[in-house]
Amino acid sequence: YNALYDKAWLSIAKDLDELFDKLVKVRHEIALK
């Protein structure tokens, strides 16, 4: 079941990379402003 859990998350791994990259950039802009 840990392998199943890992498999579920792995299906969106690249999407999470992209999402967090956007979050970091917008949060940095908020801080600067």
PDB file of all heavy atoms in Angstrom:
ATOM      1  N   TYR A   1       0.812  -1.216   0.000  1.00  0.00           N
ATOM      2  CA  TYR A   1       0.000   0.000   0.000  1.00  0.00           C
ATOM      3  C   TYR A   1       0.846   1.267   0.000  1.00  0.00           C
ATOM      4  O   TYR A   1       0.419   2.306  -0.530  1.00  0.00           O
ATOM      5  CB  TYR A   1      -0.980  -0.014   1.175  1.00  0.00           C
ATOM      6  CG  TYR A   1      -2.214  -0.832   0.868  1.00  0.00           C
ATOM      7  CD1 TYR A   1      -2.231  -2.213   1.054  1.00  0.00           C
ATOM      8  CD2 TYR A   1      -3.345  -0.232   0.338  1.00  0.00           C
ATOM      9  CE1 TYR A   1      -3.348  -2.974   0.745  1.00  0.00           C
ATOM     10  CE2 TYR A   1      -4.476  -0.981   0.022  1.00  0.00           C
ATOM     11  CZ  TYR A   1      -4.469  -2.350   0.230  1.00  0.00           C
ATOM     12  OH  TYR A   1      -5.582  -3.093  -0.089  1.00  0.00           O
ATOM     13  N   ASN A   2       2.032   1.197   0.554  1.00  0.00           N
ATOM     14  CA  ASN A   2       2.947   2.332   0.425  1.00  0.00           C
ATOM     15  C   ASN A   2       3.359   2.525  -1.020  1.00  0.00           C
ATOM     16  O   ASN A   2       3.511   3.660  -1.480  1.00  0.00           O
ATOM     17  CB  ASN A   2       4.177   2.128   1.318  1.00  0.00           C
ATOM     18  CG  ASN A   2       3.977   2.661   2.719  1.00  0.00           C
ATOM     19  OD1 ASN A   2       4.264   3.813   3.014  1.00  0.00           O
ATOM     20  ND2 ASN A   2       3.455   1.802   3.597  1.00  0.00           N
ATOM     21  N   ALA A   3       3.526   1.417  -1.743  1.00  0.00           N
ATOM     22  CA  ALA A   3       3.860   1.492  -3.165  1.00  0.00           C
ATOM     23  C   ALA A   3       2.703   2.093  -3.957  1.00  0.00           C
ATOM     24  O   ALA A   3       2.914   2.882  -4.892  1.00  0.00           O
ATOM     25  CB  ALA A   3       4.217   0.109  -3.695  1.00  0.00           C
ATOM     26  N   LEU A   4       1.465   1.736  -3.582  1.00  0.00           N
ATOM     27  CA  LEU A   4       0.289   2.320  -4.249  1.00  0.00           C
ATOM     28  C   LEU A   4       0.201   3.818  -3.987  1.00  0.00           C
ATOM     29  O   LEU A   4      -0.109   4.615  -4.892  1.00  0.00           O
ATOM     30  CB  LEU A   4      -0.983   1.632  -3.748  1.00  0.00           C
ATOM     31  CG  LEU A   4      -1.209   0.183  -4.175  1.00  0.00           C
ATOM     32  CD1 LEU A   4      -2.414  -0.408  -3.435  1.00  0.00           C
ATOM     33  CD2 LEU A   4      -1.427   0.092  -5.686  1.00  0.00           C
ATOM     34  N   TYR A   5       0.472   4.219  -2.756  1.00  0.00           N
ATOM     35  CA  TYR A   5       0.456   5.634  -2.379  1.00  0.00           C
ATOM     36  C   TYR A   5       1.500   6.408  -3.184  1.00  0.00           C
ATOM     37  O   TYR A   5       1.235   7.477  -3.728  1.00  0.00           O
ATOM     38  CB  TYR A   5       0.750   5.746  -0.883  1.00  0.00           C
ATOM     39  CG  TYR A   5       0.378   7.066  -0.239  1.00  0.00           C
ATOM     40  CD1 TYR A   5      -0.934   7.324   0.133  1.00  0.00           C
ATOM     41  CD2 TYR A   5       1.343   8.029   0.032  1.00  0.00           C
ATOM     42  CE1 TYR A   5      -1.281   8.512   0.751  1.00  0.00           C
ATOM     43  CE2 TYR A   5       1.014   9.223   0.645  1.00  0.00           C
ATOM     44  CZ  TYR A   5      -0.301   9.455   1.013  1.00  0.00           C
ATOM     45  OH  TYR A   5      -0.631  10.644   1.613  1.00  0.00           O
ATOM     46  N   ASP A   6       2.687   5.822  -3.274  1.00  0.00           N
ATOM     47  CA  ASP A   6       3.774   6.426  -4.034  1.00  0.00           C
ATOM     48  C   ASP A   6       3.399   6.555  -5.509  1.00  0.00           C
ATOM     49  O   ASP A   6       3.662   7.582  -6.156  1.00  0.00           O
ATOM     50  CB  ASP A   6       5.032   5.569  -3.877  1.00  0.00           C
ATOM     51  CG  ASP A   6       6.283   6.293  -4.312  1.00  0.00           C
ATOM     52  OD1 ASP A   6       6.896   6.973  -3.468  1.00  0.00           O
ATOM     53  OD2 ASP A   6       6.649   6.177  -5.492  1.00  0.00           O
ATOM     54  N   LYS A   7       2.766   5.514  -6.040  1.00  0.00           N
ATOM     55  CA  LYS A   7       2.354   5.510  -7.449  1.00  0.00           C
ATOM     56  C   LYS A   7       1.350   6.626  -7.729  1.00  0.00           C
ATOM     57  O   LYS A   7       1.420   7.301  -8.772  1.00  0.00           O
ATOM     58  CB  LYS A   7       1.737   4.155  -7.797  1.00  0.00           C
ATOM     59  CG  LYS A   7       1.247   4.027  -9.223  1.00  0.00           C
ATOM     60  CD  LYS A   7       0.609   2.660  -9.462  1.00  0.00           C
ATOM     61  CE  LYS A   7       0.050   2.545 -10.873  1.00  0.00           C
ATOM     62  NZ  LYS A   7      -0.611   1.220 -11.097  1.00  0.00           N
ATOM     63  N   ALA A   8       0.405   6.827  -6.795  1.00  0.00           N
ATOM     64  CA  ALA A   8      -0.594   7.879  -6.969  1.00  0.00           C
ATOM     65  C   ALA A   8       0.063   9.251  -7.057  1.00  0.00           C
ATOM     66  O   ALA A   8      -0.243  10.049  -7.947  1.00  0.00           O
ATOM     67  CB  ALA A   8      -1.598   7.841  -5.817  1.00  0.00           C
ATOM     68  N   TRP A   9       0.981   9.514  -6.149  1.00  0.00           N
ATOM     69  CA  TRP A   9       1.666  10.822  -6.138  1.00  0.00           C
ATOM     70  C   TRP A   9       2.572  10.995  -7.350  1.00  0.00           C
ATOM     71  O   TRP A   9       2.693  12.101  -7.903  1.00  0.00           O
ATOM     72  CB  TRP A   9       2.468  10.983  -4.854  1.00  0.00           C
ATOM     73  CG  TRP A   9       1.635  11.374  -3.676  1.00  0.00           C
ATOM     74  CD1 TRP A   9       1.086  10.549  -2.740  1.00  0.00           C
ATOM     75  CD2 TRP A   9       1.242  12.702  -3.304  1.00  0.00           C
ATOM     76  NE1 TRP A   9       0.386  11.279  -1.807  1.00  0.00           N
ATOM     77  CE2 TRP A   9       0.464  12.595  -2.128  1.00  0.00           C
ATOM     78  CE3 TRP A   9       1.480  13.958  -3.843  1.00  0.00           C
ATOM     79  CZ2 TRP A   9      -0.085  13.717  -1.491  1.00  0.00           C
ATOM     80  CZ3 TRP A   9       0.935  15.073  -3.219  1.00  0.00           C
ATOM     81  CH2 TRP A   9       0.163  14.943  -2.060  1.00  0.00           C
ATOM     82  N   LEU A  10       3.205   9.916  -7.758  1.00  0.00           N
ATOM     83  CA  LEU A  10       4.123  10.006  -8.893  1.00  0.00           C
ATOM     84  C   LEU A  10       3.402  10.425 -10.172  1.00  0.00           C
ATOM     85  O   LEU A  10       4.004  11.046 -11.053  1.00  0.00           O
ATOM     86  CB  LEU A  10       4.821   8.656  -9.096  1.00  0.00           C
ATOM     87  CG  LEU A  10       6.124   8.653  -9.901  1.00  0.00           C
ATOM     88  CD1 LEU A  10       7.155   9.582  -9.280  1.00  0.00           C
ATOM     89  CD2 LEU A  10       6.685   7.235  -9.997  1.00  0.00           C
ATOM     90  N   SER A  11       2.113  10.141 -10.244  1.00  0.00           N
ATOM     91  CA  SER A  11       1.337  10.497 -11.446  1.00  0.00           C
ATOM     92  C   SER A  11       1.205  12.003 -11.634  1.00  0.00           C
ATOM     93  O   SER A  11       0.886  12.471 -12.738  1.00  0.00           O
ATOM     94  CB  SER A  11      -0.051   9.845 -11.386  1.00  0.00           C
ATOM     95  OG  SER A  11      -0.841  10.433 -10.355  1.00  0.00           O
ATOM     96  N   ILE A  12       1.422  12.791 -10.566  1.00  0.00           N
ATOM     97  CA  ILE A  12       1.312  14.252 -10.686  1.00  0.00           C
ATOM     98  C   ILE A  12       2.628  14.951 -10.333  1.00  0.00           C
ATOM     99  O   ILE A  12       2.650  16.168 -10.101  1.00  0.00           O
ATOM    100  CB  ILE A  12       0.175  14.817  -9.801  1.00  0.00           C
ATOM    101  CG1 ILE A  12       0.408  14.474  -8.321  1.00  0.00           C
ATOM    102  CG2 ILE A  12      -1.184  14.320 -10.271  1.00  0.00           C
ATOM    103  CD1 ILE A  12      -0.534  15.223  -7.368  1.00  0.00           C
ATOM    104  N   ALA A  13       3.727  14.211 -10.299  1.00  0.00           N
ATOM    105  CA  ALA A  13       5.013  14.764  -9.852  1.00  0.00           C
ATOM    106  C   ALA A  13       5.437  15.982 -10.666  1.00  0.00           C
ATOM    107  O   ALA A  13       5.792  17.034 -10.110  1.00  0.00           O
ATOM    108  CB  ALA A  13       6.089  13.686  -9.895  1.00  0.00           C
ATOM    109  N   LYS A  14       5.407  15.866 -11.966  1.00  0.00           N
ATOM    110  CA  LYS A  14       5.842  16.977 -12.816  1.00  0.00           C
ATOM    111  C   LYS A  14       4.889  18.170 -12.705  1.00  0.00           C
ATOM    112  O   LYS A  14       5.319  19.330 -12.776  1.00  0.00           O
ATOM    113  CB  LYS A  14       5.951  16.507 -14.274  1.00  0.00           C
ATOM    114  CG  LYS A  14       7.039  15.466 -14.504  1.00  0.00           C
ATOM    115  CD  LYS A  14       8.411  16.003 -14.100  1.00  0.00           C
ATOM    116  CE  LYS A  14       9.504  14.975 -14.318  1.00  0.00           C
ATOM    117  NZ  LYS A  14      10.839  15.459 -13.871  1.00  0.00           N
ATOM    118  N   ASP A  15       3.611  17.884 -12.540  1.00  0.00           N
ATOM    119  CA  ASP A  15       2.638  18.967 -12.349  1.00  0.00           C
ATOM    120  C   ASP A  15       2.924  19.729 -11.056  1.00  0.00           C
ATOM    121  O   ASP A  15       2.779  20.956 -10.996  1.00  0.00           O
ATOM    122  CB  ASP A  15       1.218  18.404 -12.302  1.00  0.00           C
ATOM    123  CG  ASP A  15       0.791  17.764 -13.613  1.00  0.00           C
ATOM    124  OD1 ASP A  15       1.236  18.242 -14.670  1.00  0.00           O
ATOM    125  OD2 ASP A  15       0.029  16.792 -13.575  1.00  0.00           O
ATOM    126  N   LEU A  16       3.341  18.998 -10.016  1.00  0.00           N
ATOM    127  CA  LEU A  16       3.671  19.642  -8.744  1.00  0.00           C
ATOM    128  C   LEU A  16       4.931  20.486  -8.864  1.00  0.00           C
ATOM    129  O   LEU A  16       5.023  21.562  -8.255  1.00  0.00           O
ATOM    130  CB  LEU A  16       3.845  18.582  -7.648  1.00  0.00           C
ATOM    131  CG  LEU A  16       2.576  17.826  -7.247  1.00  0.00           C
ATOM    132  CD1 LEU A  16       2.908  16.734  -6.235  1.00  0.00           C
ATOM    133  CD2 LEU A  16       1.534  18.779  -6.655  1.00  0.00           C
ATOM    134  N   ASP A  17       5.902  20.037  -9.656  1.00  0.00           N
ATOM    135  CA  ASP A  17       7.100  20.836  -9.910  1.00  0.00           C
ATOM    136  C   ASP A  17       6.717  22.186 -10.514  1.00  0.00           C
ATOM    137  O   ASP A  17       7.183  23.244 -10.080  1.00  0.00           O
ATOM    138  CB  ASP A  17       8.035  20.114 -10.877  1.00  0.00           C
ATOM    139  CG  ASP A  17       8.758  18.937 -10.242  1.00  0.00           C
ATOM    140  OD1 ASP A  17       8.840  18.889  -8.991  1.00  0.00           O
ATOM    141  OD2 ASP A  17       9.238  18.067 -10.988  1.00  0.00           O
ATOM    142  N   GLU A  18       5.866  22.120 -11.522  1.00  0.00           N
ATOM    143  CA  GLU A  18       5.446  23.339 -12.226  1.00  0.00           C
ATOM    144  C   GLU A  18       4.617  24.242 -11.321  1.00  0.00           C
ATOM    145  O   GLU A  18       4.813  25.465 -11.296  1.00  0.00           O
ATOM    146  CB  GLU A  18       4.644  22.949 -13.472  1.00  0.00           C
ATOM    147  CG  GLU A  18       4.185  24.131 -14.307  1.00  0.00           C
ATOM    148  CD  GLU A  18       3.379  23.706 -15.517  1.00  0.00           C
ATOM    149  OE1 GLU A  18       3.466  22.517 -15.907  1.00  0.00           O
ATOM    150  OE2 GLU A  18       2.647  24.547 -16.072  1.00  0.00           O
ATOM    151  N   LEU A  19       3.711  23.645 -10.558  1.00  0.00           N
ATOM    152  CA  LEU A  19       2.847  24.427  -9.680  1.00  0.00           C
ATOM    153  C   LEU A  19       3.671  25.151  -8.611  1.00  0.00           C
ATOM    154  O   LEU A  19       3.477  26.344  -8.362  1.00  0.00           O
ATOM    155  CB  LEU A  19       1.823  23.501  -9.019  1.00  0.00           C
ATOM    156  CG  LEU A  19       0.875  24.142  -8.002  1.00  0.00           C
ATOM    157  CD1 LEU A  19      -0.012  25.189  -8.663  1.00  0.00           C
ATOM    158  CD2 LEU A  19       0.017  23.086  -7.315  1.00  0.00           C
ATOM    159  N   PHE A  20       4.601  24.427  -7.979  1.00  0.00           N
ATOM    160  CA  PHE A  20       5.384  25.060  -6.918  1.00  0.00           C
ATOM    161  C   PHE A  20       6.297  26.138  -7.470  1.00  0.00           C
ATOM    162  O   PHE A  20       6.532  27.164  -6.818  1.00  0.00           O
ATOM    163  CB  PHE A  20       6.207  24.009  -6.165  1.00  0.00           C
ATOM    164  CG  PHE A  20       6.877  24.548  -4.939  1.00  0.00           C
ATOM    165  CD1 PHE A  20       6.126  24.965  -3.847  1.00  0.00           C
ATOM    166  CD2 PHE A  20       8.256  24.657  -4.866  1.00  0.00           C
ATOM    167  CE1 PHE A  20       6.738  25.486  -2.706  1.00  0.00           C
ATOM    168  CE2 PHE A  20       8.881  25.161  -3.735  1.00  0.00           C
ATOM    169  CZ  PHE A  20       8.116  25.581  -2.652  1.00  0.00           C
ATOM    170  N   ASP A  21       6.815  25.943  -8.655  1.00  0.00           N
ATOM    171  CA  ASP A  21       7.662  26.963  -9.277  1.00  0.00           C
ATOM    172  C   ASP A  21       6.889  28.265  -9.450  1.00  0.00           C
ATOM    173  O   ASP A  21       7.400  29.360  -9.178  1.00  0.00           O
ATOM    174  CB  ASP A  21       8.171  26.470 -10.630  1.00  0.00           C
ATOM    175  CG  ASP A  21       9.376  27.247 -11.116  1.00  0.00           C
ATOM    176  OD1 ASP A  21      10.388  27.275 -10.397  1.00  0.00           O
ATOM    177  OD2 ASP A  21       9.292  27.850 -12.198  1.00  0.00           O
ATOM    178  N   LYS A  22       5.644  28.165  -9.861  1.00  0.00           N
ATOM    179  CA  LYS A  22       4.796  29.357  -9.997  1.00  0.00           C
ATOM    180  C   LYS A  22       4.518  29.986  -8.635  1.00  0.00           C
ATOM    181  O   LYS A  22       4.512  31.218  -8.500  1.00  0.00           O
ATOM    182  CB  LYS A  22       3.473  28.982 -10.675  1.00  0.00           C
ATOM    183  CG  LYS A  22       3.608  28.590 -12.133  1.00  0.00           C
ATOM    184  CD  LYS A  22       2.262  28.179 -12.710  1.00  0.00           C
ATOM    185  CE  LYS A  22       2.379  27.758 -14.170  1.00  0.00           C
ATOM    186  NZ  LYS A  22       1.065  27.298 -14.720  1.00  0.00           N
ATOM    187  N   LEU A  23       4.278  29.145  -7.618  1.00  0.00           N
ATOM    188  CA  LEU A  23       4.001  29.653  -6.276  1.00  0.00           C
ATOM    189  C   LEU A  23       5.198  30.413  -5.715  1.00  0.00           C
ATOM    190  O   LEU A  23       5.044  31.490  -5.119  1.00  0.00           O
ATOM    191  CB  LEU A  23       3.634  28.498  -5.336  1.00  0.00           C
ATOM    192  CG  LEU A  23       2.208  27.971  -5.434  1.00  0.00           C
ATOM    193  CD1 LEU A  23       2.072  26.640  -4.700  1.00  0.00           C
ATOM    194  CD2 LEU A  23       1.215  28.986  -4.876  1.00  0.00           C
ATOM    195  N   VAL A  24       6.399  29.870  -5.892  1.00  0.00           N
ATOM    196  CA  VAL A  24       7.603  30.538  -5.387  1.00  0.00           C
ATOM    197  C   VAL A  24       7.759  31.906  -6.029  1.00  0.00           C
ATOM    198  O   VAL A  24       8.036  32.903  -5.346  1.00  0.00           O
ATOM    199  CB  VAL A  24       8.856  29.675  -5.645  1.00  0.00           C
ATOM    200  CG1 VAL A  24      10.132  30.476  -5.362  1.00  0.00           C
ATOM    201  CG2 VAL A  24       8.839  28.431  -4.781  1.00  0.00           C
ATOM    202  N   LYS A  25       7.549  31.979  -7.320  1.00  0.00           N
ATOM    203  CA  LYS A  25       7.755  33.239  -8.034  1.00  0.00           C
ATOM    204  C   LYS A  25       6.723  34.293  -7.639  1.00  0.00           C
ATOM    205  O   LYS A  25       7.061  35.466  -7.438  1.00  0.00           O
ATOM    206  CB  LYS A  25       7.738  32.978  -9.540  1.00  0.00           C
ATOM    207  CG  LYS A  25       9.004  32.267 -10.026  1.00  0.00           C
ATOM    208  CD  LYS A  25       8.954  31.940 -11.512  1.00  0.00           C
ATOM    209  CE  LYS A  25      10.309  31.453 -12.009  1.00  0.00           C
ATOM    210  NZ  LYS A  25      10.865  30.333 -11.255  1.00  0.00           N
ATOM    211  N   VAL A  26       5.462  33.908  -7.512  1.00  0.00           N
ATOM    212  CA  VAL A  26       4.448  34.896  -7.145  1.00  0.00           C
ATOM    213  C   VAL A  26       4.623  35.330  -5.693  1.00  0.00           C
ATOM    214  O   VAL A  26       4.417  36.500  -5.345  1.00  0.00           O
ATOM    215  CB  VAL A  26       3.019  34.376  -7.418  1.00  0.00           C
ATOM    216  CG1 VAL A  26       2.625  33.258  -6.458  1.00  0.00           C
ATOM    217  CG2 VAL A  26       2.005  35.520  -7.317  1.00  0.00           C
ATOM    218  N   ARG A  27       5.023  34.424  -4.836  1.00  0.00           N
ATOM    219  CA  ARG A  27       5.244  34.780  -3.432  1.00  0.00           C
ATOM    220  C   ARG A  27       6.442  35.715  -3.286  1.00  0.00           C
ATOM    221  O   ARG A  27       6.432  36.618  -2.443  1.00  0.00           O
ATOM    222  CB  ARG A  27       5.414  33.513  -2.592  1.00  0.00           C
ATOM    223  CG  ARG A  27       4.115  32.782  -2.370  1.00  0.00           C
ATOM    224  CD  ARG A  27       4.308  31.370  -1.816  1.00  0.00           C
ATOM    225  NE  ARG A  27       3.012  30.728  -1.588  1.00  0.00           N
ATOM    226  CZ  ARG A  27       2.844  29.429  -1.362  1.00  0.00           C
ATOM    227  NH1 ARG A  27       3.904  28.614  -1.330  1.00  0.00           N
ATOM    228  NH2 ARG A  27       1.636  28.934  -1.163  1.00  0.00           N
ATOM    229  N   HIS A  28       7.459  35.492  -4.088  1.00  0.00           N
ATOM    230  CA  HIS A  28       8.621  36.388  -4.054  1.00  0.00           C
ATOM    231  C   HIS A  28       8.212  37.785  -4.521  1.00  0.00           C
ATOM    232  O   HIS A  28       8.635  38.798  -3.931  1.00  0.00           O
ATOM    233  CB  HIS A  28       9.733  35.836  -4.947  1.00  0.00           C
ATOM    234  CG  HIS A  28      11.003  36.627  -4.885  1.00  0.00           C
ATOM    235  ND1 HIS A  28      11.743  36.751  -3.728  1.00  0.00           N
ATOM    236  CD2 HIS A  28      11.648  37.357  -5.843  1.00  0.00           C
ATOM    237  CE1 HIS A  28      12.794  37.509  -3.964  1.00  0.00           C
ATOM    238  NE2 HIS A  28      12.768  37.891  -5.237  1.00  0.00           N
ATOM    239  N   GLU A  29       7.382  37.843  -5.540  1.00  0.00           N
ATOM    240  CA  GLU A  29       6.915  39.147  -6.035  1.00  0.00           C
ATOM    241  C   GLU A  29       6.069  39.860  -4.989  1.00  0.00           C
ATOM    242  O   GLU A  29       6.180  41.080  -4.812  1.00  0.00           O
ATOM    243  CB  GLU A  29       6.114  38.949  -7.330  1.00  0.00           C
ATOM    244  CG  GLU A  29       5.772  40.255  -8.036  1.00  0.00           C
ATOM    245  CD  GLU A  29       5.077  40.055  -9.368  1.00  0.00           C
ATOM    246  OE1 GLU A  29       4.947  38.884  -9.805  1.00  0.00           O
ATOM    247  OE2 GLU A  29       4.640  41.059  -9.956  1.00  0.00           O
ATOM    248  N   ILE A  30       5.237  39.125  -4.278  1.00  0.00           N
ATOM    249  CA  ILE A  30       4.434  39.710  -3.196  1.00  0.00           C
ATOM    250  C   ILE A  30       5.346  40.306  -2.129  1.00  0.00           C
ATOM    251  O   ILE A  30       5.115  41.427  -1.639  1.00  0.00           O
ATOM    252  CB  ILE A  30       3.513  38.637  -2.576  1.00  0.00           C
ATOM    253  CG1 ILE A  30       2.361  38.303  -3.532  1.00  0.00           C
ATOM    254  CG2 ILE A  30       2.959  39.097  -1.231  1.00  0.00           C
ATOM    255  CD1 ILE A  30       1.507  37.119  -3.094  1.00  0.00           C
ATOM    256  N   ALA A  31       6.397  39.569  -1.768  1.00  0.00           N
ATOM    257  CA  ALA A  31       7.334  40.057  -0.747  1.00  0.00           C
ATOM    258  C   ALA A  31       8.022  41.344  -1.189  1.00  0.00           C
ATOM    259  O   ALA A  31       8.113  42.312  -0.419  1.00  0.00           O
ATOM    260  CB  ALA A  31       8.373  38.979  -0.448  1.00  0.00           C
ATOM    261  N   LEU A  32       8.486  41.375  -2.432  1.00  0.00           N
ATOM    262  CA  LEU A  32       9.171  42.563  -2.933  1.00  0.00           C
ATOM    263  C   LEU A  32       8.243  43.774  -2.977  1.00  0.00           C
ATOM    264  O   LEU A  32       8.636  44.889  -2.615  1.00  0.00           O
ATOM    265  CB  LEU A  32       9.748  42.295  -4.324  1.00  0.00           C
ATOM    266  CG  LEU A  32      10.858  41.233  -4.421  1.00  0.00           C
ATOM    267  CD1 LEU A  32      11.311  41.074  -5.867  1.00  0.00           C
ATOM    268  CD2 LEU A  32      12.038  41.598  -3.534  1.00  0.00           C
ATOM    269  N   LYS A  33       7.005  43.559  -3.391  1.00  0.00           N
ATOM    270  CA  LYS A  33       6.061  44.677  -3.519  1.00  0.00           C
ATOM    271  C   LYS A  33       5.601  45.221  -2.173  1.00  0.00           C
ATOM    272  O   LYS A  33       5.047  46.322  -2.099  1.00  0.00           O
ATOM    273  CB  LYS A  33       4.844  44.255  -4.351  1.00  0.00           C
ATOM    274  CG  LYS A  33       5.130  44.187  -5.840  1.00  0.00           C
ATOM    275  CD  LYS A  33       3.857  44.300  -6.659  1.00  0.00           C
ATOM    276  CE  LYS A  33       4.172  44.472  -8.130  1.00  0.00           C
ATOM    277  NZ  LYS A  33       2.964  44.730  -8.938  1.00  0.00           N
TER     278      LYS A  33
END
